[in-house]
Amino acid sequence: MPKALWIAHVTVTDEAAYGEYAKRAGPAIAAHGGEFLARGGRYEILEGKERARNVVARFPSLQAAHDCYYSDAYQEALSFAKGASERDLMILEESGD
């Protein structure tokens, strides 16, 4: 079964509220087998809209990533990010090449 990547591009507008999101989101992601590959860090924007915070997490499957997003724990964490950030988030199945 192919693994999946959770890719987020974020502009934080309220550091305190977003910090609470991050504190709660990590355990919710880990509970669904997610592991962070990149959080913050240096980046170079080549095309598209720049977002200062970029995050990549790997999950055991597309379904696990989907289930994480819709879980009660993640939705509770997400309530702190809404209004505290502008976000783009997607799940991408790895090709397995």
PDB file of N, CA and C in Angstrom:
ATOM      1  N   MET A   1       0.860  -1.176   0.000  1.00  0.00           N
ATOM      2  CA  MET A   1       0.000   0.000   0.000  1.00  0.00           C
ATOM      3  C   MET A   1       0.909   1.243   0.000  1.00  0.00           C
ATOM      4  N   PRO A   2       0.678   2.179  -0.926  1.00  0.00           N
ATOM      5  CA  PRO A   2       1.501   3.392  -0.968  1.00  0.00           C
ATOM      6  C   PRO A   2       1.278   4.281   0.255  1.00  0.00           C
ATOM      7  N   LYS A   3       2.349   4.903   0.689  1.00  0.00           N
ATOM      8  CA  LYS A   3       2.249   5.888   1.763  1.00  0.00           C
ATOM      9  C   LYS A   3       1.716   7.184   1.168  1.00  0.00           C
ATOM     10  N   ALA A   4       1.396   8.121   2.038  1.00  0.00           N
ATOM     11  CA  ALA A   4       0.848   9.399   1.584  1.00  0.00           C
ATOM     12  C   ALA A   4       1.532  10.544   2.311  1.00  0.00           C
ATOM     13  N   LEU A   5       1.620  11.669   1.645  1.00  0.00           N
ATOM     14  CA  LEU A   5       2.201  12.872   2.214  1.00  0.00           C
ATOM     15  C   LEU A   5       1.113  13.891   2.481  1.00  0.00           C
ATOM     16  N   TRP A   6       1.214  14.536   3.600  1.00  0.00           N
ATOM     17  CA  TRP A   6       0.352  15.643   3.985  1.00  0.00           C
ATOM     18  C   TRP A   6       1.233  16.876   3.787  1.00  0.00           C
ATOM     19  N   ILE A   7       0.866  17.742   2.860  1.00  0.00           N
ATOM     20  CA  ILE A   7       1.682  18.900   2.505  1.00  0.00           C
ATOM     21  C   ILE A   7       0.897  20.162   2.831  1.00  0.00           C
ATOM     22  N   ALA A   8       1.478  20.997   3.696  1.00  0.00           N
ATOM     23  CA  ALA A   8       0.815  22.229   4.121  1.00  0.00           C
ATOM     24  C   ALA A   8       1.719  23.421   3.857  1.00  0.00           C
ATOM     25  N   HIS A   9       1.112  24.487   3.375  1.00  0.00           N
ATOM     26  CA  HIS A   9       1.776  25.777   3.185  1.00  0.00           C
ATOM     27  C   HIS A   9       0.960  26.776   3.999  1.00  0.00           C
ATOM     28  N   VAL A  10       1.629  27.482   4.927  1.00  0.00           N
ATOM     29  CA  VAL A  10       0.908  28.264   5.922  1.00  0.00           C
ATOM     30  C   VAL A  10       1.516  29.653   6.089  1.00  0.00           C
ATOM     31  N   THR A  11       0.642  30.640   6.214  1.00  0.00           N
ATOM     32  CA  THR A  11       1.024  31.967   6.688  1.00  0.00           C
ATOM     33  C   THR A  11       0.326  32.147   8.024  1.00  0.00           C
ATOM     34  N   VAL A  12       1.113  32.298   9.079  1.00  0.00           N
ATOM     35  CA  VAL A  12       0.570  32.446  10.429  1.00  0.00           C
ATOM     36  C   VAL A  12       0.241  33.913  10.666  1.00  0.00           C
ATOM     37  N   THR A  13      -0.981  34.167  11.134  1.00  0.00           N
ATOM     38  CA  THR A  13      -1.415  35.539  11.420  1.00  0.00           C
ATOM     39  C   THR A  13      -1.600  35.790  12.911  1.00  0.00           C
ATOM     40  N   ASP A  14      -1.643  34.736  13.716  1.00  0.00           N
ATOM     41  CA  ASP A  14      -1.761  34.850  15.172  1.00  0.00           C
ATOM     42  C   ASP A  14      -0.874  33.768  15.779  1.00  0.00           C
ATOM     43  N   GLU A  15       0.328  34.174  16.190  1.00  0.00           N
ATOM     44  CA  GLU A  15       1.329  33.213  16.674  1.00  0.00           C
ATOM     45  C   GLU A  15       0.846  32.407  17.882  1.00  0.00           C
ATOM     46  N   ALA A  16       0.190  33.067  18.839  1.00  0.00           N
ATOM     47  CA  ALA A  16      -0.239  32.375  20.059  1.00  0.00           C
ATOM     48  C   ALA A  16      -1.265  31.292  19.740  1.00  0.00           C
ATOM     49  N   ALA A  17      -2.285  31.625  18.972  1.00  0.00           N
ATOM     50  CA  ALA A  17      -3.319  30.642  18.627  1.00  0.00           C
ATOM     51  C   ALA A  17      -2.740  29.531  17.760  1.00  0.00           C
ATOM     52  N   TYR A  18      -1.875  29.879  16.834  1.00  0.00           N
ATOM     53  CA  TYR A  18      -1.293  28.859  15.964  1.00  0.00           C
ATOM     54  C   TYR A  18      -0.365  27.939  16.756  1.00  0.00           C
ATOM     55  N   GLY A  19       0.295  28.483  17.755  1.00  0.00           N
ATOM     56  CA  GLY A  19       1.125  27.665  18.626  1.00  0.00           C
ATOM     57  C   GLY A  19       0.302  26.620  19.351  1.00  0.00           C
ATOM     58  N   GLU A  20      -0.892  27.003  19.774  1.00  0.00           N
ATOM     59  CA  GLU A  20      -1.796  26.040  20.421  1.00  0.00           C
ATOM     60  C   GLU A  20      -2.221  24.962  19.427  1.00  0.00           C
ATOM     61  N   TYR A  21      -2.489  25.365  18.182  1.00  0.00           N
ATOM     62  CA  TYR A  21      -2.808  24.380  17.138  1.00  0.00           C
ATOM     63  C   TYR A  21      -1.662  23.380  16.992  1.00  0.00           C
ATOM     64  N   ALA A  22      -0.447  23.897  16.857  1.00  0.00           N
ATOM     65  CA  ALA A  22       0.713  23.031  16.629  1.00  0.00           C
ATOM     66  C   ALA A  22       0.915  22.061  17.798  1.00  0.00           C
ATOM     67  N   LYS A  23       0.727  22.537  19.011  1.00  0.00           N
ATOM     68  CA  LYS A  23       0.889  21.699  20.199  1.00  0.00           C
ATOM     69  C   LYS A  23      -0.114  20.542  20.183  1.00  0.00           C
ATOM     70  N   ARG A  24      -1.324  20.798  19.732  1.00  0.00           N
ATOM     71  CA  ARG A  24      -2.367  19.770  19.721  1.00  0.00           C
ATOM     72  C   ARG A  24      -2.333  18.899  18.462  1.00  0.00           C
ATOM     73  N   ALA A  25      -1.919  19.472  17.346  1.00  0.00           N
ATOM     74  CA  ALA A  25      -1.925  18.734  16.080  1.00  0.00           C
ATOM     75  C   ALA A  25      -0.894  17.609  16.066  1.00  0.00           C
ATOM     76  N   GLY A  26       0.275  17.848  16.651  1.00  0.00           N
ATOM     77  CA  GLY A  26       1.329  16.828  16.638  1.00  0.00           C
ATOM     78  C   GLY A  26       0.876  15.486  17.175  1.00  0.00           C
ATOM     79  N   PRO A  27       0.291  15.430  18.367  1.00  0.00           N
ATOM     80  CA  PRO A  27      -0.183  14.143  18.876  1.00  0.00           C
ATOM     81  C   PRO A  27      -1.295  13.526  18.015  1.00  0.00           C
ATOM     82  N   ALA A  28      -2.159  14.333  17.450  1.00  0.00           N
ATOM     83  CA  ALA A  28      -3.227  13.803  16.590  1.00  0.00           C
ATOM     84  C   ALA A  28      -2.628  13.170  15.334  1.00  0.00           C
ATOM     85  N   ILE A  29      -1.618  13.810  14.783  1.00  0.00           N
ATOM     86  CA  ILE A  29      -0.950  13.274  13.590  1.00  0.00           C
ATOM     87  C   ILE A  29      -0.224  11.975  13.939  1.00  0.00           C
ATOM     88  N   ALA A  30       0.509  11.975  15.038  1.00  0.00           N
ATOM     89  CA  ALA A  30       1.236  10.769  15.462  1.00  0.00           C
ATOM     90  C   ALA A  30       0.283   9.607  15.731  1.00  0.00           C
ATOM     91  N   ALA A  31      -0.896   9.887  16.276  1.00  0.00           N
ATOM     92  CA  ALA A  31      -1.871   8.839  16.576  1.00  0.00           C
ATOM     93  C   ALA A  31      -2.362   8.121  15.324  1.00  0.00           C
ATOM     94  N   HIS A  32      -2.205   8.752  14.170  1.00  0.00           N
ATOM     95  CA  HIS A  32      -2.616   8.137  12.908  1.00  0.00           C
ATOM     96  C   HIS A  32      -1.414   7.654  12.096  1.00  0.00           C
ATOM     97  N   GLY A  33      -0.283   7.501  12.774  1.00  0.00           N
ATOM     98  CA  GLY A  33       0.916   6.974  12.111  1.00  0.00           C
ATOM     99  C   GLY A  33       1.697   8.021  11.338  1.00  0.00           C
ATOM    100  N   GLY A  34       1.349   9.294  11.508  1.00  0.00           N
ATOM    101  CA  GLY A  34       2.042  10.353  10.783  1.00  0.00           C
ATOM    102  C   GLY A  34       3.375  10.693  11.421  1.00  0.00           C
ATOM    103  N   GLU A  35       4.342  10.994  10.591  1.00  0.00           N
ATOM    104  CA  GLU A  35       5.648  11.446  11.052  1.00  0.00           C
ATOM    105  C   GLU A  35       6.053  12.662  10.228  1.00  0.00           C
ATOM    106  N   PHE A  36       6.621  13.642  10.893  1.00  0.00           N
ATOM    107  CA  PHE A  36       7.015  14.867  10.201  1.00  0.00           C
ATOM    108  C   PHE A  36       8.327  14.656   9.455  1.00  0.00           C
ATOM    109  N   LEU A  37       8.341  15.066   8.200  1.00  0.00           N
ATOM    110  CA  LEU A  37       9.554  15.040   7.392  1.00  0.00           C
ATOM    111  C   LEU A  37      10.172  16.434   7.325  1.00  0.00           C
ATOM    112  N   ALA A  38       9.333  17.455   7.375  1.00  0.00           N
ATOM    113  CA  ALA A  38       9.807  18.844   7.342  1.00  0.00           C
ATOM    114  C   ALA A  38       8.791  19.716   8.057  1.00  0.00           C
ATOM    115  N   ARG A  39       9.290  20.643   8.879  1.00  0.00           N
ATOM    116  CA  ARG A  39       8.442  21.631   9.561  1.00  0.00           C
ATOM    117  C   ARG A  39       9.249  22.910   9.616  1.00  0.00           C
ATOM    118  N   GLY A  40       8.713  23.950   8.990  1.00  0.00           N
ATOM    119  CA  GLY A  40       9.475  25.188   8.953  1.00  0.00           C
ATOM    120  C   GLY A  40      10.713  24.960   8.106  1.00  0.00           C
ATOM    121  N   GLY A  41      11.830  25.456   8.545  1.00  0.00           N
ATOM    122  CA  GLY A  41      13.075  25.231   7.820  1.00  0.00           C
ATOM    123  C   GLY A  41      13.222  26.122   6.597  1.00  0.00           C
ATOM    124  N   ARG A  42      14.393  26.053   6.049  1.00  0.00           N
ATOM    125  CA  ARG A  42      14.701  26.869   4.867  1.00  0.00           C
ATOM    126  C   ARG A  42      13.940  26.362   3.653  1.00  0.00           C
ATOM    127  N   TYR A  43      13.597  27.274   2.772  1.00  0.00           N
ATOM    128  CA  TYR A  43      12.897  26.903   1.546  1.00  0.00           C
ATOM    129  C   TYR A  43      13.196  27.939   0.467  1.00  0.00           C
ATOM    130  N   GLU A  44      12.875  27.590  -0.743  1.00  0.00           N
ATOM    131  CA  GLU A  44      12.992  28.505  -1.874  1.00  0.00           C
ATOM    132  C   GLU A  44      11.706  28.381  -2.678  1.00  0.00           C
ATOM    133  N   ILE A  45      10.992  29.482  -2.810  1.00  0.00           N
ATOM    134  CA  ILE A  45       9.755  29.462  -3.589  1.00  0.00           C
ATOM    135  C   ILE A  45      10.125  29.630  -5.066  1.00  0.00           C
ATOM    136  N   LEU A  46       9.675  28.734  -5.896  1.00  0.00           N
ATOM    137  CA  LEU A  46       9.972  28.798  -7.319  1.00  0.00           C
ATOM    138  C   LEU A  46       8.773  29.248  -8.135  1.00  0.00           C
ATOM    139  N   GLU A  47       7.593  28.872  -7.702  1.00  0.00           N
ATOM    140  CA  GLU A  47       6.363  29.285  -8.370  1.00  0.00           C
ATOM    141  C   GLU A  47       5.260  29.373  -7.334  1.00  0.00           C
ATOM    142  N   GLY A  48       4.267  30.200  -7.589  1.00  0.00           N
ATOM    143  CA  GLY A  48       3.102  30.266  -6.728  1.00  0.00           C
ATOM    144  C   GLY A  48       3.256  31.225  -5.571  1.00  0.00           C
ATOM    145  N   LYS A  49       2.266  31.185  -4.701  1.00  0.00           N
ATOM    146  CA  LYS A  49       2.203  32.086  -3.564  1.00  0.00           C
ATOM    147  C   LYS A  49       3.146  31.632  -2.459  1.00  0.00           C
ATOM    148  N   GLU A  50       3.891  32.565  -1.922  1.00  0.00           N
ATOM    149  CA  GLU A  50       4.806  32.240  -0.839  1.00  0.00           C
ATOM    150  C   GLU A  50       4.051  32.133   0.489  1.00  0.00           C
ATOM    151  N   ARG A  51       4.363  31.100   1.228  1.00  0.00           N
ATOM    152  CA  ARG A  51       3.855  30.905   2.588  1.00  0.00           C
ATOM    153  C   ARG A  51       5.087  30.643   3.452  1.00  0.00           C
ATOM    154  N   ALA A  52       5.198  31.353   4.558  1.00  0.00           N
ATOM    155  CA  ALA A  52       6.417  31.304   5.356  1.00  0.00           C
ATOM    156  C   ALA A  52       6.627  29.976   6.080  1.00  0.00           C
ATOM    157  N   ARG A  53       5.581  29.202   6.301  1.00  0.00           N
ATOM    158  CA  ARG A  53       5.718  27.936   7.019  1.00  0.00           C
ATOM    159  C   ARG A  53       5.271  26.809   6.094  1.00  0.00           C
ATOM    160  N   ASN A  54       6.119  25.820   5.948  1.00  0.00           N
ATOM    161  CA  ASN A  54       5.839  24.686   5.080  1.00  0.00           C
ATOM    162  C   ASN A  54       6.061  23.402   5.876  1.00  0.00           C
ATOM    163  N   VAL A  55       5.111  22.482   5.767  1.00  0.00           N
ATOM    164  CA  VAL A  55       5.149  21.263   6.567  1.00  0.00           C
ATOM    165  C   VAL A  55       4.861  20.070   5.671  1.00  0.00           C
ATOM    166  N   VAL A  56       5.637  19.002   5.854  1.00  0.00           N
ATOM    167  CA  VAL A  56       5.386  17.742   5.161  1.00  0.00           C
ATOM    168  C   VAL A  56       5.386  16.637   6.212  1.00  0.00           C
ATOM    169  N   ALA A  57       4.324  15.858   6.227  1.00  0.00           N
ATOM    170  CA  ALA A  57       4.238  14.694   7.111  1.00  0.00           C
ATOM    171  C   ALA A  57       3.919  13.474   6.251  1.00  0.00           C
ATOM    172  N   ARG A  58       4.459  12.335   6.634  1.00  0.00           N
ATOM    173  CA  ARG A  58       4.191  11.083   5.910  1.00  0.00           C
ATOM    174  C   ARG A  58       3.283  10.213   6.778  1.00  0.00           C
ATOM    175  N   PHE A  59       2.283   9.626   6.127  1.00  0.00           N
ATOM    176  CA  PHE A  59       1.343   8.713   6.769  1.00  0.00           C
ATOM    177  C   PHE A  59       1.456   7.337   6.118  1.00  0.00           C
ATOM    178  N   PRO A  60       1.030   6.301   6.820  1.00  0.00           N
ATOM    179  CA  PRO A  60       1.110   4.945   6.259  1.00  0.00           C
ATOM    180  C   PRO A  60       0.281   4.754   4.989  1.00  0.00           C
ATOM    181  N   SER A  61      -0.762   5.573   4.812  1.00  0.00           N
ATOM    182  CA  SER A  61      -1.635   5.438   3.640  1.00  0.00           C
ATOM    183  C   SER A  61      -2.428   6.732   3.441  1.00  0.00           C
ATOM    184  N   LEU A  62      -3.025   6.846   2.280  1.00  0.00           N
ATOM    185  CA  LEU A  62      -3.910   7.984   2.004  1.00  0.00           C
ATOM    186  C   LEU A  62      -5.087   7.967   2.981  1.00  0.00           C
ATOM    187  N   GLN A  63      -5.608   6.792   3.267  1.00  0.00           N
ATOM    188  CA  GLN A  63      -6.741   6.685   4.189  1.00  0.00           C
ATOM    189  C   GLN A  63      -6.354   7.144   5.589  1.00  0.00           C
ATOM    190  N   ALA A  64      -5.152   6.786   6.057  1.00  0.00           N
ATOM    191  CA  ALA A  64      -4.708   7.211   7.389  1.00  0.00           C
ATOM    192  C   ALA A  64      -4.588   8.729   7.452  1.00  0.00           C
ATOM    193  N   ALA A  65      -4.075   9.348   6.394  1.00  0.00           N
ATOM    194  CA  ALA A  65      -3.959  10.812   6.359  1.00  0.00           C
ATOM    195  C   ALA A  65      -5.340  11.457   6.363  1.00  0.00           C
ATOM    196  N   HIS A  66      -6.241  10.897   5.591  1.00  0.00           N
ATOM    197  CA  HIS A  66      -7.625  11.381   5.537  1.00  0.00           C
ATOM    198  C   HIS A  66      -8.293  11.252   6.906  1.00  0.00           C
ATOM    199  N   ASP A  67      -8.153  10.072   7.509  1.00  0.00           N
ATOM    200  CA  ASP A  67      -8.769   9.822   8.816  1.00  0.00           C
ATOM    201  C   ASP A  67      -8.213  10.766   9.876  1.00  0.00           C
ATOM    202  N   CYS A  68      -6.934  11.058   9.797  1.00  0.00           N
ATOM    203  CA  CYS A  68      -6.326  11.986  10.749  1.00  0.00           C
ATOM    204  C   CYS A  68      -6.990  13.356  10.646  1.00  0.00           C
ATOM    205  N   TYR A  69      -7.108  13.861   9.422  1.00  0.00           N
ATOM    206  CA  TYR A  69      -7.679  15.192   9.234  1.00  0.00           C
ATOM    207  C   TYR A  69      -9.084  15.285   9.833  1.00  0.00           C
ATOM    208  N   TYR A  70      -9.877  14.252   9.627  1.00  0.00           N
ATOM    209  CA  TYR A  70     -11.269  14.285  10.084  1.00  0.00           C
ATOM    210  C   TYR A  70     -11.464  13.746  11.509  1.00  0.00           C
ATOM    211  N   SER A  71     -10.380  13.381  12.174  1.00  0.00           N
ATOM    212  CA  SER A  71     -10.498  12.881  13.548  1.00  0.00           C
ATOM    213  C   SER A  71     -10.910  14.004  14.497  1.00  0.00           C
ATOM    214  N   ASP A  72     -11.534  13.618  15.587  1.00  0.00           N
ATOM    215  CA  ASP A  72     -11.944  14.602  16.597  1.00  0.00           C
ATOM    216  C   ASP A  72     -10.743  15.370  17.139  1.00  0.00           C
ATOM    217  N   ALA A  73      -9.643  14.661  17.397  1.00  0.00           N
ATOM    218  CA  ALA A  73      -8.462  15.314  17.971  1.00  0.00           C
ATOM    219  C   ALA A  73      -7.883  16.356  17.021  1.00  0.00           C
ATOM    220  N   TYR A  74      -7.794  16.013  15.720  1.00  0.00           N
ATOM    221  CA  TYR A  74      -7.234  16.987  14.781  1.00  0.00           C
ATOM    222  C   TYR A  74      -8.200  18.145  14.558  1.00  0.00           C
ATOM    223  N   GLN A  75      -9.476  17.871  14.479  1.00  0.00           N
ATOM    224  CA  GLN A  75     -10.442  18.949  14.289  1.00  0.00           C
ATOM    225  C   GLN A  75     -10.428  19.917  15.468  1.00  0.00           C
ATOM    226  N   GLU A  76     -10.222  19.401  16.676  1.00  0.00           N
ATOM    227  CA  GLU A  76     -10.088  20.280  17.831  1.00  0.00           C
ATOM    228  C   GLU A  76      -8.850  21.158  17.680  1.00  0.00           C
ATOM    229  N   ALA A  77      -7.726  20.552  17.278  1.00  0.00           N
ATOM    230  CA  ALA A  77      -6.500  21.332  17.051  1.00  0.00           C
ATOM    231  C   ALA A  77      -6.729  22.371  15.968  1.00  0.00           C
ATOM    232  N   LEU A  78      -7.383  21.968  14.902  1.00  0.00           N
ATOM    233  CA  LEU A  78      -7.619  22.856  13.764  1.00  0.00           C
ATOM    234  C   LEU A  78      -8.444  24.074  14.146  1.00  0.00           C
ATOM    235  N   SER A  79      -9.284  23.952  15.138  1.00  0.00           N
ATOM    236  CA  SER A  79     -10.088  25.101  15.566  1.00  0.00           C
ATOM    237  C   SER A  79      -9.203  26.265  16.020  1.00  0.00           C
ATOM    238  N   PHE A  80      -7.983  25.981  16.463  1.00  0.00           N
ATOM    239  CA  PHE A  80      -7.055  27.035  16.869  1.00  0.00           C
ATOM    240  C   PHE A  80      -6.362  27.667  15.658  1.00  0.00           C
ATOM    241  N   ALA A  81      -6.234  26.930  14.568  1.00  0.00           N
ATOM    242  CA  ALA A  81      -5.571  27.444  13.375  1.00  0.00           C
ATOM    243  C   ALA A  81      -6.504  28.327  12.544  1.00  0.00           C
ATOM    244  N   LYS A  82      -7.786  28.010  12.575  1.00  0.00           N
ATOM    245  CA  LYS A  82      -8.753  28.803  11.805  1.00  0.00           C
ATOM    246  C   LYS A  82      -8.818  30.202  12.382  1.00  0.00           C
ATOM    247  N   GLY A  83      -8.639  31.187  11.553  1.00  0.00           N
ATOM    248  CA  GLY A  83      -8.602  32.567  12.005  1.00  0.00           C
ATOM    249  C   GLY A  83      -7.225  32.994  12.480  1.00  0.00           C
ATOM    250  N   ALA A  84      -6.306  32.048  12.612  1.00  0.00           N
ATOM    251  CA  ALA A  84      -4.945  32.347  13.046  1.00  0.00           C
ATOM    252  C   ALA A  84      -3.926  32.098  11.934  1.00  0.00           C
ATOM    253  N   SER A  85      -4.445  31.713  10.757  1.00  0.00           N
ATOM    254  CA  SER A  85      -3.542  31.392   9.652  1.00  0.00           C
ATOM    255  C   SER A  85      -4.298  31.365   8.333  1.00  0.00           C
ATOM    256  N   GLU A  86      -3.516  31.471   7.264  1.00  0.00           N
ATOM    257  CA  GLU A  86      -4.002  31.195   5.912  1.00  0.00           C
ATOM    258  C   GLU A  86      -3.265  29.933   5.502  1.00  0.00           C
ATOM    259  N   ARG A  87      -4.014  28.897   5.090  1.00  0.00           N
ATOM    260  CA  ARG A  87      -3.401  27.593   4.859  1.00  0.00           C
ATOM    261  C   ARG A  87      -3.849  26.966   3.551  1.00  0.00           C
ATOM    262  N   ASP A  88      -2.938  26.242   2.976  1.00  0.00           N
ATOM    263  CA  ASP A  88      -3.237  25.316   1.887  1.00  0.00           C
ATOM    264  C   ASP A  88      -2.762  23.964   2.396  1.00  0.00           C
ATOM    265  N   LEU A  89      -3.617  22.964   2.302  1.00  0.00           N
ATOM    266  CA  LEU A  89      -3.279  21.630   2.791  1.00  0.00           C
ATOM    267  C   LEU A  89      -3.781  20.602   1.800  1.00  0.00           C
ATOM    268  N   MET A  90      -2.920  19.643   1.491  1.00  0.00           N
ATOM    269  CA  MET A  90      -3.321  18.574   0.586  1.00  0.00           C
ATOM    270  C   MET A  90      -2.725  17.258   1.050  1.00  0.00           C
ATOM    271  N   ILE A  91      -3.330  16.170   0.594  1.00  0.00           N
ATOM    272  CA  ILE A  91      -2.792  14.838   0.800  1.00  0.00           C
ATOM    273  C   ILE A  91      -2.393  14.335  -0.585  1.00  0.00           C
ATOM    274  N   LEU A  92      -1.191  13.774  -0.670  1.00  0.00           N
ATOM    275  CA  LEU A  92      -0.673  13.274  -1.939  1.00  0.00           C
ATOM    276  C   LEU A  92      -0.164  11.859  -1.737  1.00  0.00           C
ATOM    277  N   GLU A  93      -0.705  10.916  -2.488  1.00  0.00           N
ATOM    278  CA  GLU A  93      -0.232   9.543  -2.398  1.00  0.00           C
ATOM    279  C   GLU A  93       1.134   9.446  -3.056  1.00  0.00           C
ATOM    280  N   GLU A  94       2.072   8.783  -2.388  1.00  0.00           N
ATOM    281  CA  GLU A  94       3.411   8.593  -2.963  1.00  0.00           C
ATOM    282  C   GLU A  94       3.339   7.616  -4.137  1.00  0.00           C
ATOM    283  N   SER A  95       4.207   7.824  -5.092  1.00  0.00           N
ATOM    284  CA  SER A  95       4.164   7.011  -6.308  1.00  0.00           C
ATOM    285  C   SER A  95       4.764   5.624  -6.105  1.00  0.00           C
ATOM    286  N   GLY A  96       5.631   5.458  -5.122  1.00  0.00           N
ATOM    287  CA  GLY A  96       6.215   4.149  -4.879  1.00  0.00           C
ATOM    288  C   GLY A  96       7.304   3.782  -5.858  1.00  0.00           C
ATOM    289  N   ASP A  97       7.772   4.744  -6.634  1.00  0.00           N
ATOM    290  CA  ASP A  97       8.855   4.474  -7.600  1.00  0.00           C
ATOM    291  C   ASP A  97      10.173   4.233  -6.914  1.00  0.00           C
TER     292      ASP A  97
END
